[in-house]
Each structure stands twice: as structure tokens, then as C-alpha cells.
């Protein structure tokens, strides 16, 4: 029998405990082990969504996903299991035992390292401890696919999303929920606003327009735009910003350079893509790139 690659998503679920943090471990009676919450991807599901969903199913916790912590690979019989892990801030919810998970424990980091059954989970937990737990998340979204500029007879600012672009909006909307978005901004173009508007609709808020984050205004005003983004970050929570391809790569590069964070010089920002950025104050400490089909 040929081996398969089984894809899964998991998380280090954490909550404040005084000046420290506690993390959640689950016990699986079938394997008699203590491990991090995780589970297999459903059809057409991303590892981020799977991690968020599996945490809810195994622990009862509603969480806001954070930065990517890395992955593990190991054998399960003839197959290879590949798990991507993320930090996940506990928001609410309570645990109910099940056949799959019969016990949950909140533990300080030292206790979690000791109780975990697998070294591979300890590696993930060490990645979690490498940066502060309490980072501010920002989702920087390039607008979804729009109709052809040459075929659009009106002002470019009014150019709408194409049919394929409309299909990209729902995954972005779901990411807003997964990361715990609480407010929404966009460059004042129809395609930028429309891409992130469903996130705002879910929150019951209006999209706030940011002129500096349009390509037209950004040219010659890049430093001012970067300062404006840091002002938004300083307000806390999890903001979402919709912008353009002529802005995002340079903006991420500037924020990273100012913080001493190394990023690929050939930064990607495909239409409908998302940069999940994680800040400690004004310092950008981690940046994850997500592509939406």
C-alpha cells in the first residue's frame, strides 16, 4: 500500500496567568498521551482554519489564532503526518469530555514541557516561548481579483471585483473570524473595501477608509503610511486593512526593516492574499503570508 501524506493543523492555546501564561494540553484515552490540540484537515480546508476548528472541537475553547510556530512530521503506520501549529489566544468556552479527548489541563510552561508525551510537541512549545505570547495581530489584505482596468469605462477607484474575486472574499471573511478581527480599514477603492467589507459586516461595524494606504497616495508618502499603520496597531485588538499590490510589499518591508526582522526581498502579495503581522508595541516580530485560492 502506497503511503499518504496526512495534513493537520494544531495550536498552542494560551491564556494569561498573572504575569505568566498557561497553555492547554489534552489527554487522548485512545493513545494514553498528553499532547497539543490538533486534527486533520477537512476537504478544501486550510491548516489555519483546521487548527482553529480542532481547538474548538477538542477543548471547547473559542480562540484567536496567532503566529505560525512551525510544523512536525512523523509516521502514522505507513503514512506521513504533517502538522502545522499556531499560537492561539484563549477567548472563551469550557471543556466537555468526549471519547476522543477525556481531559484538559491548563498548565504553566514548565509543567506543560514535563507532561507532554512527545518531544515533537516540546519543539513546538519552545517555538511558542521564543517570542512574547501577547502580540498584537494585524491582517493586511490585498484586494481580491477585479475586472480588467482596460475594459472598465469609469474611474479606476470604482472598478469592482470580478466573479473570481467575489469567490476569494469568503475565505478572507473566515480568516477574520479565525484571527479574531475587531475592526476594519481599507484604501478608498471599491475593490479594496468590498474585499474586507464582509469582515466588517460580521462585526457590525463600518469599514474605515485610509487614503494613505492606496497606491496613489502611498507614492511619496510611504513613511507616513507606515506610521499610520503603527498608530492602528497601537490601538490594540486585531485590525484588518485592505490595500493594493503597489503598497503591501514595500509596507511590510519597511515595517520589518524598522524592527530588524528579516523578510524575503521578493515579497509576495497576490490578489486576495493576506499578510498576518504580529507586533510587540511598534516592533514587527513575525510575519506570515497566506494565499487565498
C-alpha atoms as a PDB file:
ATOM      1  CA  UNK A   1       0.000   0.000   0.000  1.00  0.00           C
ATOM      2  CA  UNK A   2       1.372   3.421  -1.001  1.00  0.00           C
ATOM      3  CA  UNK A   3       1.950   5.888   1.824  1.00  0.00           C
ATOM      4  CA  UNK A   4      -0.159   9.026   2.106  1.00  0.00           C
ATOM      5  CA  UNK A   5       0.600  12.466   3.472  1.00  0.00           C
ATOM      6  CA  UNK A   6      -1.964  13.391   6.123  1.00  0.00           C
ATOM      7  CA  UNK A   7      -2.235  17.158   6.668  1.00  0.00           C
ATOM      8  CA  UNK A   8      -3.316  18.550  10.017  1.00  0.00           C
ATOM      9  CA  UNK A   9      -3.457  21.791  11.991  1.00  0.00           C
ATOM     10  CA  UNK A  10      -2.898  22.367  15.693  1.00  0.00           C
ATOM     11  CA  UNK A  11      -2.245  25.076  18.236  1.00  0.00           C
ATOM     12  CA  UNK A  12      -0.574  26.100  21.448  1.00  0.00           C
ATOM     13  CA  UNK A  13      -3.626  27.511  23.209  1.00  0.00           C
ATOM     14  CA  UNK A  14      -2.647  30.039  25.867  1.00  0.00           C
ATOM     15  CA  UNK A  15      -4.173  32.405  28.390  1.00  0.00           C
ATOM     16  CA  UNK A  16      -2.699  34.937  30.839  1.00  0.00           C
ATOM     17  CA  UNK A  17      -1.915  33.698  34.352  1.00  0.00           C
ATOM     18  CA  UNK A  18      -0.742  36.680  36.355  1.00  0.00           C
ATOM     19  CA  UNK A  19       2.473  37.866  34.741  1.00  0.00           C
ATOM     20  CA  UNK A  20       2.997  34.498  33.043  1.00  0.00           C
ATOM     21  CA  UNK A  21       0.885  32.295  30.760  1.00  0.00           C
ATOM     22  CA  UNK A  22      -0.767  28.891  30.932  1.00  0.00           C
ATOM     23  CA  UNK A  23      -1.165  26.530  27.984  1.00  0.00           C
ATOM     24  CA  UNK A  24      -3.776  23.861  27.355  1.00  0.00           C
ATOM     25  CA  UNK A  25      -2.868  20.176  26.925  1.00  0.00           C
ATOM     26  CA  UNK A  26      -5.336  17.429  26.056  1.00  0.00           C
ATOM     27  CA  UNK A  27      -5.380  13.768  27.037  1.00  0.00           C
ATOM     28  CA  UNK A  28      -6.421  11.207  24.417  1.00  0.00           C
ATOM     29  CA  UNK A  29      -7.606   7.946  26.001  1.00  0.00           C
ATOM     30  CA  UNK A  30      -7.104   6.006  22.773  1.00  0.00           C
ATOM     31  CA  UNK A  31      -3.354   6.738  22.815  1.00  0.00           C
ATOM     32  CA  UNK A  32      -2.954   7.389  26.542  1.00  0.00           C
ATOM     33  CA  UNK A  33      -0.960  10.514  25.772  1.00  0.00           C
ATOM     34  CA  UNK A  34      -0.836  14.217  26.593  1.00  0.00           C
ATOM     35  CA  UNK A  35      -0.487  16.418  23.548  1.00  0.00           C
ATOM     36  CA  UNK A  36      -1.343  19.734  21.912  1.00  0.00           C
ATOM     37  CA  UNK A  37      -4.800  20.091  20.341  1.00  0.00           C
ATOM     38  CA  UNK A  38      -4.692  19.194  16.654  1.00  0.00           C
ATOM     39  CA  UNK A  39      -6.615  17.416  13.911  1.00  0.00           C
ATOM     40  CA  UNK A  40      -6.783  16.548  10.223  1.00  0.00           C
ATOM     41  CA  UNK A  41      -7.839  18.999   7.559  1.00  0.00           C
ATOM     42  CA  UNK A  42     -11.316  18.666   6.126  1.00  0.00           C
ATOM     43  CA  UNK A  43     -11.689  18.849   2.309  1.00  0.00           C
ATOM     44  CA  UNK A  44     -10.593  22.249   0.927  1.00  0.00           C
ATOM     45  CA  UNK A  45      -9.692  23.450   4.419  1.00  0.00           C
ATOM     46  CA  UNK A  46      -6.502  25.363   5.251  1.00  0.00           C
ATOM     47  CA  UNK A  47      -4.263  24.405   8.167  1.00  0.00           C
ATOM     48  CA  UNK A  48      -5.177  27.662   9.924  1.00  0.00           C
ATOM     49  CA  UNK A  49      -8.886  27.015   9.761  1.00  0.00           C
ATOM     50  CA  UNK A  50      -8.342  23.376  10.750  1.00  0.00           C
ATOM     51  CA  UNK A  51      -6.280  24.415  13.797  1.00  0.00           C
ATOM     52  CA  UNK A  52      -8.958  26.906  14.884  1.00  0.00           C
ATOM     53  CA  UNK A  53     -11.769  24.376  14.365  1.00  0.00           C
ATOM     54  CA  UNK A  54      -9.974  21.473  16.028  1.00  0.00           C
ATOM     55  CA  UNK A  55      -9.174  23.551  19.103  1.00  0.00           C
ATOM     56  CA  UNK A  56     -12.883  24.298  19.462  1.00  0.00           C
ATOM     57  CA  UNK A  57     -13.834  20.647  18.973  1.00  0.00           C
ATOM     58  CA  UNK A  58     -11.227  19.188  21.338  1.00  0.00           C
ATOM     59  CA  UNK A  59     -11.148  21.809  24.086  1.00  0.00           C
ATOM     60  CA  UNK A  60     -14.398  23.763  23.788  1.00  0.00           C
ATOM     61  CA  UNK A  61     -12.355  26.952  23.545  1.00  0.00           C
ATOM     62  CA  UNK A  62     -13.038  29.825  21.197  1.00  0.00           C
ATOM     63  CA  UNK A  63      -9.641  31.230  20.243  1.00  0.00           C
ATOM     64  CA  UNK A  64      -7.990  33.915  18.145  1.00  0.00           C
ATOM     65  CA  UNK A  65      -5.232  32.434  16.042  1.00  0.00           C
ATOM     66  CA  UNK A  66      -1.759  33.973  16.168  1.00  0.00           C
ATOM     67  CA  UNK A  67       1.597  33.408  14.513  1.00  0.00           C
ATOM     68  CA  UNK A  68       2.808  30.249  12.820  1.00  0.00           C
ATOM     69  CA  UNK A  69       5.009  28.189  15.147  1.00  0.00           C
ATOM     70  CA  UNK A  70       6.292  25.669  12.620  1.00  0.00           C
ATOM     71  CA  UNK A  71       5.431  22.083  11.877  1.00  0.00           C
ATOM     72  CA  UNK A  72       6.111  18.483  12.731  1.00  0.00           C
ATOM     73  CA  UNK A  73       6.394  15.388  10.542  1.00  0.00           C
ATOM     74  CA  UNK A  74       6.108  11.825  11.778  1.00  0.00           C
ATOM     75  CA  UNK A  75       4.948   8.386  10.731  1.00  0.00           C
ATOM     76  CA  UNK A  76       1.481   7.030  11.439  1.00  0.00           C
ATOM     77  CA  UNK A  77       1.692   3.442  10.217  1.00  0.00           C
ATOM     78  CA  UNK A  78       2.616   3.606   6.526  1.00  0.00           C
ATOM     79  CA  UNK A  79       1.579   7.266   6.237  1.00  0.00           C
ATOM     80  CA  UNK A  80       3.334  10.569   6.963  1.00  0.00           C
ATOM     81  CA  UNK A  81       1.508  13.084   9.136  1.00  0.00           C
ATOM     82  CA  UNK A  82       2.360  16.750   8.655  1.00  0.00           C
ATOM     83  CA  UNK A  83       1.034  19.161  11.293  1.00  0.00           C
ATOM     84  CA  UNK A  84       1.320  22.955  11.228  1.00  0.00           C
ATOM     85  CA  UNK A  85       0.969  24.663  14.607  1.00  0.00           C
ATOM     86  CA  UNK A  86      -0.065  28.187  15.557  1.00  0.00           C
ATOM     87  CA  UNK A  87      -0.239  30.235  18.704  1.00  0.00           C
ATOM     88  CA  UNK A  88      -3.877  30.676  19.786  1.00  0.00           C
ATOM     89  CA  UNK A  89      -5.162  33.081  22.417  1.00  0.00           C
ATOM     90  CA  UNK A  90      -7.995  31.682  24.561  1.00  0.00           C
ATOM     91  CA  UNK A  91     -11.110  33.878  24.424  1.00  0.00           C
ATOM     92  CA  UNK A  92     -13.945  31.899  25.993  1.00  0.00           C
ATOM     93  CA  UNK A  93     -15.551  28.460  26.262  1.00  0.00           C
ATOM     94  CA  UNK A  94     -15.440  25.448  28.557  1.00  0.00           C
ATOM     95  CA  UNK A  95     -14.255  21.875  28.135  1.00  0.00           C
ATOM     96  CA  UNK A  96     -16.585  18.882  27.813  1.00  0.00           C
ATOM     97  CA  UNK A  97     -15.033  15.380  27.855  1.00  0.00           C
ATOM     98  CA  UNK A  98     -15.501  13.189  24.777  1.00  0.00           C
ATOM     99  CA  UNK A  99     -14.392   9.798  23.510  1.00  0.00           C
ATOM    100  CA  UNK A 100     -11.530  11.498  21.665  1.00  0.00           C
ATOM    101  CA  UNK A 101     -10.362  13.822  24.474  1.00  0.00           C
ATOM    102  CA  UNK A 102     -11.306  12.950  28.049  1.00  0.00           C
ATOM    103  CA  UNK A 103      -9.274  15.525  29.989  1.00  0.00           C
ATOM    104  CA  UNK A 104      -7.871  19.028  29.545  1.00  0.00           C
ATOM    105  CA  UNK A 105      -5.279  20.683  31.765  1.00  0.00           C
ATOM    106  CA  UNK A 106      -4.150  24.313  31.909  1.00  0.00           C
ATOM    107  CA  UNK A 107      -0.514  24.323  32.948  1.00  0.00           C
ATOM    108  CA  UNK A 108       2.373  26.784  33.335  1.00  0.00           C
ATOM    109  CA  UNK A 109       5.037  26.335  30.689  1.00  0.00           C
ATOM    110  CA  UNK A 110       7.348  24.264  32.889  1.00  0.00           C
ATOM    111  CA  UNK A 111       4.525  21.875  33.761  1.00  0.00           C
ATOM    112  CA  UNK A 112       3.480  21.589  30.120  1.00  0.00           C
ATOM    113  CA  UNK A 113       7.013  20.709  28.997  1.00  0.00           C
ATOM    114  CA  UNK A 114       7.101  17.982  31.657  1.00  0.00           C
ATOM    115  CA  UNK A 115       3.666  16.477  30.929  1.00  0.00           C
ATOM    116  CA  UNK A 116       3.835  16.379  27.125  1.00  0.00           C
ATOM    117  CA  UNK A 117       4.275  12.843  25.802  1.00  0.00           C
ATOM    118  CA  UNK A 118       6.253  13.701  22.650  1.00  0.00           C
ATOM    119  CA  UNK A 119       9.467  15.609  22.025  1.00  0.00           C
ATOM    120  CA  UNK A 120       8.000  16.941  18.787  1.00  0.00           C
ATOM    121  CA  UNK A 121       5.337  18.770  20.829  1.00  0.00           C
ATOM    122  CA  UNK A 122       8.043  20.177  23.089  1.00  0.00           C
ATOM    123  CA  UNK A 123       9.762  21.578  19.990  1.00  0.00           C
ATOM    124  CA  UNK A 124       6.548  23.403  19.077  1.00  0.00           C
ATOM    125  CA  UNK A 125       6.172  24.702  22.619  1.00  0.00           C
ATOM    126  CA  UNK A 126       9.759  26.002  22.546  1.00  0.00           C
ATOM    127  CA  UNK A 127       8.907  27.899  19.351  1.00  0.00           C
ATOM    128  CA  UNK A 128       5.957  29.436  21.184  1.00  0.00           C
ATOM    129  CA  UNK A 129       8.205  30.619  24.028  1.00  0.00           C
ATOM    130  CA  UNK A 130      10.716  32.184  21.617  1.00  0.00           C
ATOM    131  CA  UNK A 131       8.579  35.358  21.374  1.00  0.00           C
ATOM    132  CA  UNK A 132       6.167  37.068  23.766  1.00  0.00           C
ATOM    133  CA  UNK A 133       2.743  35.426  23.802  1.00  0.00           C
ATOM    134  CA  UNK A 134       0.755  38.659  23.911  1.00  0.00           C
ATOM    135  CA  UNK A 135       1.375  40.132  20.464  1.00  0.00           C
ATOM    136  CA  UNK A 136      -0.934  42.432  18.507  1.00  0.00           C
ATOM    137  CA  UNK A 137      -2.123  40.868  15.262  1.00  0.00           C
ATOM    138  CA  UNK A 138      -2.797  42.764  12.037  1.00  0.00           C
ATOM    139  CA  UNK A 139      -4.242  41.269   8.855  1.00  0.00           C
ATOM    140  CA  UNK A 140      -3.018  43.168   5.779  1.00  0.00           C
ATOM    141  CA  UNK A 141      -5.152  42.113   2.807  1.00  0.00           C
ATOM    142  CA  UNK A 142      -4.552  42.746  -0.868  1.00  0.00           C
ATOM    143  CA  UNK A 143      -7.861  43.238  -2.635  1.00  0.00           C
ATOM    144  CA  UNK A 144      -9.330  40.242  -4.429  1.00  0.00           C
ATOM    145  CA  UNK A 145      -9.314  39.906  -8.208  1.00  0.00           C
ATOM    146  CA  UNK A 146     -11.007  42.788 -10.036  1.00  0.00           C
ATOM    147  CA  UNK A 147     -12.191  43.270 -13.575  1.00  0.00           C
ATOM    148  CA  UNK A 148      -9.791  44.403 -16.299  1.00  0.00           C
ATOM    149  CA  UNK A 149      -8.708  48.033 -15.958  1.00  0.00           C
ATOM    150  CA  UNK A 150      -8.648  48.468 -19.748  1.00  0.00           C
ATOM    151  CA  UNK A 151     -12.241  47.247 -20.047  1.00  0.00           C
ATOM    152  CA  UNK A 152     -13.615  49.369 -17.198  1.00  0.00           C
ATOM    153  CA  UNK A 153     -15.140  52.626 -18.588  1.00  0.00           C
ATOM    154  CA  UNK A 154     -15.416  54.576 -15.316  1.00  0.00           C
ATOM    155  CA  UNK A 155     -12.922  55.857 -12.728  1.00  0.00           C
ATOM    156  CA  UNK A 156     -10.471  53.181 -11.602  1.00  0.00           C
ATOM    157  CA  UNK A 157     -11.439  53.736  -7.959  1.00  0.00           C
ATOM    158  CA  UNK A 158     -14.897  52.376  -8.817  1.00  0.00           C
ATOM    159  CA  UNK A 159     -13.679  49.194 -10.511  1.00  0.00           C
ATOM    160  CA  UNK A 160     -15.456  46.245  -8.835  1.00  0.00           C
ATOM    161  CA  UNK A 161     -14.359  42.724  -8.004  1.00  0.00           C
ATOM    162  CA  UNK A 162     -14.637  40.149 -10.748  1.00  0.00           C
ATOM    163  CA  UNK A 163     -16.592  36.934 -10.400  1.00  0.00           C
ATOM    164  CA  UNK A 164     -13.392  35.134  -9.385  1.00  0.00           C
ATOM    165  CA  UNK A 165     -12.635  37.935  -6.956  1.00  0.00           C
ATOM    166  CA  UNK A 166     -16.012  37.518  -5.285  1.00  0.00           C
ATOM    167  CA  UNK A 167     -15.098  33.876  -4.670  1.00  0.00           C
ATOM    168  CA  UNK A 168     -11.973  34.973  -2.788  1.00  0.00           C
ATOM    169  CA  UNK A 169     -13.940  37.131  -0.363  1.00  0.00           C
ATOM    170  CA  UNK A 170     -15.450  34.318   1.709  1.00  0.00           C
ATOM    171  CA  UNK A 171     -12.100  32.730   2.711  1.00  0.00           C
ATOM    172  CA  UNK A 172     -10.886  36.197   3.749  1.00  0.00           C
ATOM    173  CA  UNK A 173     -14.057  36.669   5.756  1.00  0.00           C
ATOM    174  CA  UNK A 174     -13.406  33.378   7.550  1.00  0.00           C
ATOM    175  CA  UNK A 175      -9.833  34.424   8.331  1.00  0.00           C
ATOM    176  CA  UNK A 176     -11.242  37.494  10.045  1.00  0.00           C
ATOM    177  CA  UNK A 177     -13.111  35.175  12.405  1.00  0.00           C
ATOM    178  CA  UNK A 178     -10.173  32.797  12.853  1.00  0.00           C
ATOM    179  CA  UNK A 179      -7.803  35.621  13.857  1.00  0.00           C
ATOM    180  CA  UNK A 180     -10.406  37.417  15.998  1.00  0.00           C
ATOM    181  CA  UNK A 181     -10.669  40.628  13.940  1.00  0.00           C
ATOM    182  CA  UNK A 182     -12.352  43.520  15.740  1.00  0.00           C
ATOM    183  CA  UNK A 183     -12.210  46.454  13.291  1.00  0.00           C
ATOM    184  CA  UNK A 184     -11.678  47.012   9.560  1.00  0.00           C
ATOM    185  CA  UNK A 185      -9.891  49.600   7.413  1.00  0.00           C
ATOM    186  CA  UNK A 186      -9.395  49.893   3.639  1.00  0.00           C
ATOM    187  CA  UNK A 187      -7.944  52.098   0.954  1.00  0.00           C
ATOM    188  CA  UNK A 188     -10.832  54.126  -0.577  1.00  0.00           C
ATOM    189  CA  UNK A 189     -11.307  51.965  -3.667  1.00  0.00           C
ATOM    190  CA  UNK A 190     -14.360  49.827  -4.294  1.00  0.00           C
ATOM    191  CA  UNK A 191     -12.326  46.665  -4.773  1.00  0.00           C
ATOM    192  CA  UNK A 192     -10.380  47.186  -1.528  1.00  0.00           C
ATOM    193  CA  UNK A 193     -13.474  47.988   0.516  1.00  0.00           C
ATOM    194  CA  UNK A 194     -15.512  45.144  -0.965  1.00  0.00           C
ATOM    195  CA  UNK A 195     -12.772  42.593  -0.180  1.00  0.00           C
ATOM    196  CA  UNK A 196     -12.854  43.281   3.578  1.00  0.00           C
ATOM    197  CA  UNK A 197     -16.439  44.521   3.945  1.00  0.00           C
ATOM    198  CA  UNK A 198     -17.850  41.084   4.884  1.00  0.00           C
ATOM    199  CA  UNK A 199     -15.468  41.014   7.872  1.00  0.00           C
ATOM    200  CA  UNK A 200     -16.883  44.378   8.949  1.00  0.00           C
ATOM    201  CA  UNK A 201     -20.433  43.104   8.395  1.00  0.00           C
ATOM    202  CA  UNK A 202     -19.777  40.163  10.727  1.00  0.00           C
ATOM    203  CA  UNK A 203     -18.555  42.608  13.380  1.00  0.00           C
ATOM    204  CA  UNK A 204     -21.405  45.049  12.863  1.00  0.00           C
ATOM    205  CA  UNK A 205     -19.004  47.914  12.069  1.00  0.00           C
ATOM    206  CA  UNK A 206     -18.231  50.174   9.132  1.00  0.00           C
ATOM    207  CA  UNK A 207     -15.079  49.954   7.021  1.00  0.00           C
ATOM    208  CA  UNK A 208     -12.886  52.956   7.847  1.00  0.00           C
ATOM    209  CA  UNK A 209     -11.221  54.428   4.765  1.00  0.00           C
ATOM    210  CA  UNK A 210      -7.464  55.099   4.826  1.00  0.00           C
ATOM    211  CA  UNK A 211      -6.294  57.281   1.933  1.00  0.00           C
ATOM    212  CA  UNK A 212      -2.591  56.751   2.676  1.00  0.00           C
ATOM    213  CA  UNK A 213      -2.935  53.016   2.008  1.00  0.00           C
ATOM    214  CA  UNK A 214      -3.952  53.467  -1.627  1.00  0.00           C
ATOM    215  CA  UNK A 215      -1.275  53.243  -4.330  1.00  0.00           C
ATOM    216  CA  UNK A 216      -1.984  56.783  -5.466  1.00  0.00           C
ATOM    217  CA  UNK A 217      -1.356  58.312  -2.034  1.00  0.00           C
ATOM    218  CA  UNK A 218       1.353  55.877  -0.930  1.00  0.00           C
ATOM    219  CA  UNK A 219       3.835  57.011  -3.573  1.00  0.00           C
ATOM    220  CA  UNK A 220       5.921  59.679  -1.887  1.00  0.00           C
ATOM    221  CA  UNK A 221       4.098  59.172   1.437  1.00  0.00           C
ATOM    222  CA  UNK A 222       5.359  55.704   2.380  1.00  0.00           C
ATOM    223  CA  UNK A 223       6.820  56.743   5.738  1.00  0.00           C
ATOM    224  CA  UNK A 224       3.587  58.487   6.704  1.00  0.00           C
ATOM    225  CA  UNK A 225       1.609  55.398   5.683  1.00  0.00           C
ATOM    226  CA  UNK A 226       3.841  53.161   7.804  1.00  0.00           C
ATOM    227  CA  UNK A 227       3.357  55.499  10.775  1.00  0.00           C
ATOM    228  CA  UNK A 228      -0.408  55.356  10.256  1.00  0.00           C
ATOM    229  CA  UNK A 229      -0.330  51.549  10.318  1.00  0.00           C
ATOM    230  CA  UNK A 230       1.610  51.639  13.587  1.00  0.00           C
ATOM    231  CA  UNK A 231      -1.000  54.018  15.013  1.00  0.00           C
ATOM    232  CA  UNK A 232      -3.679  51.458  14.129  1.00  0.00           C
ATOM    233  CA  UNK A 233      -1.620  48.683  15.721  1.00  0.00           C
ATOM    234  CA  UNK A 234      -1.131  50.791  18.869  1.00  0.00           C
ATOM    235  CA  UNK A 235      -4.898  50.802  19.428  1.00  0.00           C
ATOM    236  CA  UNK A 236      -4.660  47.054  20.163  1.00  0.00           C
ATOM    237  CA  UNK A 237      -7.146  44.385  19.149  1.00  0.00           C
ATOM    238  CA  UNK A 238      -6.928  42.724  15.741  1.00  0.00           C
ATOM    239  CA  UNK A 239      -7.340  45.202  12.881  1.00  0.00           C
ATOM    240  CA  UNK A 240      -7.855  44.222   9.234  1.00  0.00           C
ATOM    241  CA  UNK A 241      -6.581  46.533   6.482  1.00  0.00           C
ATOM    242  CA  UNK A 242      -7.449  46.199   2.792  1.00  0.00           C
ATOM    243  CA  UNK A 243      -4.895  47.681   0.407  1.00  0.00           C
ATOM    244  CA  UNK A 244      -3.224  47.291  -3.006  1.00  0.00           C
ATOM    245  CA  UNK A 245      -0.355  45.407  -4.572  1.00  0.00           C
ATOM    246  CA  UNK A 246       1.673  48.570  -5.066  1.00  0.00           C
ATOM    247  CA  UNK A 247       1.594  49.221  -1.321  1.00  0.00           C
ATOM    248  CA  UNK A 248       1.799  45.960   0.587  1.00  0.00           C
ATOM    249  CA  UNK A 249       5.273  44.572  -0.305  1.00  0.00           C
ATOM    250  CA  UNK A 250       7.010  47.887   0.374  1.00  0.00           C
ATOM    251  CA  UNK A 251       4.984  48.499   3.535  1.00  0.00           C
ATOM    252  CA  UNK A 252       5.792  45.081   5.014  1.00  0.00           C
ATOM    253  CA  UNK A 253       9.465  45.530   4.082  1.00  0.00           C
ATOM    254  CA  UNK A 254       9.583  48.926   5.804  1.00  0.00           C
ATOM    255  CA  UNK A 255       7.915  47.684   8.968  1.00  0.00           C
ATOM    256  CA  UNK A 256      10.228  44.671   9.073  1.00  0.00           C
ATOM    257  CA  UNK A 257      13.379  46.694   8.450  1.00  0.00           C
ATOM    258  CA  UNK A 258      12.491  49.169  11.203  1.00  0.00           C
ATOM    259  CA  UNK A 259      12.145  46.229  13.602  1.00  0.00           C
ATOM    260  CA  UNK A 260      15.217  44.280  12.488  1.00  0.00           C
ATOM    261  CA  UNK A 261      13.078  41.432  11.131  1.00  0.00           C
ATOM    262  CA  UNK A 262      14.428  39.641   8.072  1.00  0.00           C
ATOM    263  CA  UNK A 263      11.946  39.084   5.248  1.00  0.00           C
ATOM    264  CA  UNK A 264      12.287  37.899   1.656  1.00  0.00           C
ATOM    265  CA  UNK A 265      13.215  40.818  -0.588  1.00  0.00           C
ATOM    266  CA  UNK A 266      10.845  39.444  -3.227  1.00  0.00           C
ATOM    267  CA  UNK A 267       7.798  39.806  -1.021  1.00  0.00           C
ATOM    268  CA  UNK A 268       4.656  38.289  -2.432  1.00  0.00           C
ATOM    269  CA  UNK A 269       1.235  39.926  -2.385  1.00  0.00           C
ATOM    270  CA  UNK A 270      -1.038  38.104  -4.817  1.00  0.00           C
ATOM    271  CA  UNK A 271      -4.588  39.333  -5.233  1.00  0.00           C
ATOM    272  CA  UNK A 272      -6.681  38.077  -2.342  1.00  0.00           C
ATOM    273  CA  UNK A 273      -3.604  37.274  -0.251  1.00  0.00           C
ATOM    274  CA  UNK A 274      -3.157  38.149   3.415  1.00  0.00           C
ATOM    275  CA  UNK A 275      -0.116  39.112   5.457  1.00  0.00           C
ATOM    276  CA  UNK A 276      -0.671  38.250   9.123  1.00  0.00           C
ATOM    277  CA  UNK A 277       1.661  40.585  11.016  1.00  0.00           C
ATOM    278  CA  UNK A 278       2.457  40.320  14.736  1.00  0.00           C
ATOM    279  CA  UNK A 279       3.701  43.273  16.783  1.00  0.00           C
ATOM    280  CA  UNK A 280       5.128  43.848  20.231  1.00  0.00           C
ATOM    281  CA  UNK A 281       4.347  47.544  20.587  1.00  0.00           C
ATOM    282  CA  UNK A 282       5.677  49.105  17.372  1.00  0.00           C
ATOM    283  CA  UNK A 283       8.106  46.239  16.664  1.00  0.00           C
ATOM    284  CA  UNK A 284       7.139  43.730  13.989  1.00  0.00           C
ATOM    285  CA  UNK A 285       8.291  40.362  15.357  1.00  0.00           C
ATOM    286  CA  UNK A 286       6.682  37.861  12.968  1.00  0.00           C
ATOM    287  CA  UNK A 287       5.036  37.869   9.548  1.00  0.00           C
ATOM    288  CA  UNK A 288       3.073  35.018   7.940  1.00  0.00           C
ATOM    289  CA  UNK A 289       1.957  35.048   4.296  1.00  0.00           C
ATOM    290  CA  UNK A 290      -1.342  33.408   3.333  1.00  0.00           C
ATOM    291  CA  UNK A 291      -2.661  32.883  -0.198  1.00  0.00           C
ATOM    292  CA  UNK A 292      -6.388  32.597  -0.845  1.00  0.00           C
ATOM    293  CA  UNK A 293      -7.353  30.427  -3.854  1.00  0.00           C
END
